[in-house]
């Protein structure tokens, strides 16, 4: 799975989990095994690949 280069600075995002939006930082992107776009997100030091449809830019 190819991974896109990381942005120069992490991007503030919100991730939808269990019907709630939580804050995180986008660190990278890739195309997942099912062919869908995924975003690498950090939340309090935990890293997880999340389907792009569950991520939105954070409202500042």
C-alpha atoms as a PDB file:
ATOM      1  CA  UNK A   1       0.000   0.000   0.000  1.00  0.00           C
ATOM      2  CA  UNK A   2       1.658   3.237  -1.086  1.00  0.00           C
ATOM      3  CA  UNK A   3       1.649   6.014   1.478  1.00  0.00           C
ATOM      4  CA  UNK A   4       1.480   9.679   0.471  1.00  0.00           C
ATOM      5  CA  UNK A   5       4.137  11.946   1.927  1.00  0.00           C
ATOM      6  CA  UNK A   6       3.277  13.519   5.246  1.00  0.00           C
ATOM      7  CA  UNK A   7       2.274  17.157   5.261  1.00  0.00           C
ATOM      8  CA  UNK A   8       5.001  19.533   6.493  1.00  0.00           C
ATOM      9  CA  UNK A   9       2.827  20.184   9.547  1.00  0.00           C
ATOM     10  CA  UNK A  10       0.110  17.966  10.991  1.00  0.00           C
ATOM     11  CA  UNK A  11      -3.375  19.060   9.918  1.00  0.00           C
ATOM     12  CA  UNK A  12      -6.046  19.447  12.613  1.00  0.00           C
ATOM     13  CA  UNK A  13      -8.965  17.123  11.827  1.00  0.00           C
ATOM     14  CA  UNK A  14     -11.999  15.598  13.458  1.00  0.00           C
ATOM     15  CA  UNK A  15     -12.723  11.867  13.276  1.00  0.00           C
ATOM     16  CA  UNK A  16     -16.218  10.374  13.520  1.00  0.00           C
ATOM     17  CA  UNK A  17     -16.200   7.418  15.919  1.00  0.00           C
ATOM     18  CA  UNK A  18     -19.327   5.927  17.441  1.00  0.00           C
ATOM     19  CA  UNK A  19     -21.484   8.859  16.340  1.00  0.00           C
ATOM     20  CA  UNK A  20     -19.200  11.467  17.924  1.00  0.00           C
ATOM     21  CA  UNK A  21     -16.528  13.725  16.441  1.00  0.00           C
ATOM     22  CA  UNK A  22     -13.168  13.680  18.234  1.00  0.00           C
ATOM     23  CA  UNK A  23     -10.086  15.831  17.605  1.00  0.00           C
ATOM     24  CA  UNK A  24      -6.926  14.504  15.995  1.00  0.00           C
ATOM     25  CA  UNK A  25      -4.090  15.346  13.613  1.00  0.00           C
ATOM     26  CA  UNK A  26      -3.663  14.073  10.071  1.00  0.00           C
ATOM     27  CA  UNK A  27      -0.176  12.683   9.551  1.00  0.00           C
ATOM     28  CA  UNK A  28      -0.421  10.888   6.195  1.00  0.00           C
ATOM     29  CA  UNK A  29      -2.629   9.246   3.556  1.00  0.00           C
ATOM     30  CA  UNK A  30      -2.737   5.932   1.711  1.00  0.00           C
ATOM     31  CA  UNK A  31      -4.973   3.732  -0.397  1.00  0.00           C
ATOM     32  CA  UNK A  32      -6.221   0.882   1.784  1.00  0.00           C
ATOM     33  CA  UNK A  33      -6.525  -2.797   0.928  1.00  0.00           C
ATOM     34  CA  UNK A  34     -10.163  -2.342  -0.180  1.00  0.00           C
ATOM     35  CA  UNK A  35      -9.120   0.450  -2.542  1.00  0.00           C
ATOM     36  CA  UNK A  36     -10.515   3.209  -0.326  1.00  0.00           C
ATOM     37  CA  UNK A  37      -8.530   6.249   0.749  1.00  0.00           C
ATOM     38  CA  UNK A  38      -7.369   6.210   4.365  1.00  0.00           C
ATOM     39  CA  UNK A  39      -5.860   8.893   6.589  1.00  0.00           C
ATOM     40  CA  UNK A  40      -3.300   8.297   9.328  1.00  0.00           C
ATOM     41  CA  UNK A  41      -4.556  10.123  12.408  1.00  0.00           C
ATOM     42  CA  UNK A  42      -2.916  10.772  15.761  1.00  0.00           C
ATOM     43  CA  UNK A  43      -5.157  11.174  18.826  1.00  0.00           C
ATOM     44  CA  UNK A  44      -3.359  11.655  22.160  1.00  0.00           C
ATOM     45  CA  UNK A  45      -0.361   9.723  20.825  1.00  0.00           C
ATOM     46  CA  UNK A  46      -2.393   6.823  19.413  1.00  0.00           C
ATOM     47  CA  UNK A  47      -2.020   6.244  15.659  1.00  0.00           C
ATOM     48  CA  UNK A  48      -4.813   4.774  13.555  1.00  0.00           C
ATOM     49  CA  UNK A  49      -5.706   4.526   9.870  1.00  0.00           C
ATOM     50  CA  UNK A  50      -9.223   5.908   9.352  1.00  0.00           C
ATOM     51  CA  UNK A  51     -11.431   5.778   6.244  1.00  0.00           C
ATOM     52  CA  UNK A  52     -11.416   9.206   4.598  1.00  0.00           C
ATOM     53  CA  UNK A  53     -15.231   9.424   4.782  1.00  0.00           C
ATOM     54  CA  UNK A  54     -14.972   9.536   8.606  1.00  0.00           C
ATOM     55  CA  UNK A  55     -12.568  12.501   8.672  1.00  0.00           C
ATOM     56  CA  UNK A  56     -13.188  16.221   8.284  1.00  0.00           C
ATOM     57  CA  UNK A  57     -11.022  19.300   8.762  1.00  0.00           C
ATOM     58  CA  UNK A  58     -11.245  20.779  12.215  1.00  0.00           C
ATOM     59  CA  UNK A  59     -13.193  23.975  12.673  1.00  0.00           C
ATOM     60  CA  UNK A  60     -10.950  26.421  14.482  1.00  0.00           C
END
